């Protein structure tokens, strides 16, 4: 299964060849019929006899006229082979050269060069000259030494050979592409009666299946696959390499446009900034200058982009270089994607390139050594080097984001990443919206800072059980921002705390975080004050001093008082009444004994039985009500 696109100058017979091969006229618009030229993309498919799904080929017919170059570029999305058509009576023309350059820049895997209309030429020498000229142009591209076929749609010359050449093309979809999440660049949107919204395109990666949840970007809309068709056949499942029509439920056709990307829900993130490698044609009209506005063509869409050159002020014609593209509209890009660069005016192709990073986190310093090293590493074919670099330079990155940047190498990256985690060079941080990946160096620094923070807290507040979690997380956030310029989220921080707790590095108990070995300790002076207070409260019994007097006994040490209350040595019945805990229990037992004796009691009876004052009796009974030991009914208390 493969997808073929036509290419070539206007009126060189592309559409006639598609119709002769398939029996389908790709020109479907009335204006196309009237003018005798292709304006919009046309579609057909070619099948063998007997039908063989492995040899089935979808055909996309593109316009050759200069005015419709944007439509031609949309037709190149996801194709496996291009049929470059040159009319024998006309020869290589300007759009022939531009289309061939575009095929080369996009790295279209295969090209079938075809001399069409050979029946219109009686001079064999002329045919030889045209063929030699075409071969010379092919020799300057990756399609050198490709056999040129001579055909005539009108006379039927060479059509069987052309069909066979198409069928003989090898499958070129690597397994890694099939394993990726589904992605389709929409080239047509329409409504079909009784079905609703339908989009078409070439499924360039992954699999689509009935009932599957899908997303559309950059709109952010989501829907579900209601129906699938490929080459006029209803399908339950379609795989990469096929032309596909997708019936989507939950999305209005008015909310979708050509150029949108459709894929598995939650797997695509649009970007307005991309790190790229650019190569200019040797005959480009001008060089690529810093801050130049260009037209960027990718998939089935295009947008204006501003060029930020890295390490230079200009990329001259015939040369290569690195740059960041600042997009005027968000695009869905993957690492390894190819694109075309054109001038907005005059409308000419300058060159093309490859996406190195589809969503860099910021604008890089143009002449900084580290920035330039980044581009050079991302431009290598060593996936291990790329993966290690991305992790090393990102102190905190989600695994899904990292693998998205891998593009077609995601499977290889995943295997190497698993090895890095197993050998301890990468910290795998589960949870928190992750999993997240942290380089071992950063993980050790982060963990050490966390332990130092808690140690400092325990030294400052030795009587407290631990640091409040919110305050602890705020310290971690500030450190990550200062040290690594990363704004870690609360989810990520809590995931780190959970991991450290599981490793025994710290103890997280509800809203308190502490070092595992931390125990509350009193200074000698605090121990003396504690003992003096407890003796005084024991002697005072049911008539204890008020809070002000208690603080005076502790020489104003509020921290010590708070600890005595938290530890349970003392009990605060209200803002001013503090009992020794053992005395408080005695008072409660006395009240419960009185209730067993009388059935119900008044506050006055409790006051007299203890004995104490009305103030303390009221505070005691109100706490017993709160603790559901007693129940109040008017002026009486009964057992709860």
Foldseek 3Di string as FASTA:
>chain_A
DFEEEEFEAWPLCQQLLVCLQFVDRQQDDPVCVVVVFHQAKGKAKHADVVGDVQLIYIYIYATRDPVRVLRVLLSPFQGQEYEYEGELVPAHDPRSLQRLQVCQQQPRPYYAYEHEPPVVDPDVVSSVVRVVVVLVSCCVGPHHPHDYYYAYSVVGPRSVVVSVVSSPDHDDDDVLQQPDWWKFQFRDWDQDPPQAIKTKGAGNGYKAFFQAWKAKPPVRDIWGFHWKDFNNDTDRMDTGRTIMMTRTPPDHSVVDDGGIMMTHPPQWDWAQKFKWKWAWAQVAPWWAFQQDWWWKFFNSDIFIWGWHFAQDGTAGHGGMGITMTGTPDTHTDEFFGKIWIAHPPPTDTTTITTTLFRYDPDDDDRHDPVVVVLSVQSPDPPVLSNLVVVQVLAQKDAPSNSLRNVVSCSVVSVVVVVVCCVVQQWPQQDWLPGRMIGGNVSLVVLLVVLQVVQVVVCVVQLLDPADFQVVSVVVSQVCCCVPRVDRDDPGRSVSSVVVCCVVQQWPDDPRGIHRPPRDRDDDPLLVVLVVVLLVQLVVCQLEHFWPVVNCVSSVNPVSSVVSCCVVQQWDDLDNIDIHGNVSLVVLVVQVVVVCVVPVKDFLVVSCPSRPYDSVSSVSSVVVCVVVQQWDDDPRIIGGD
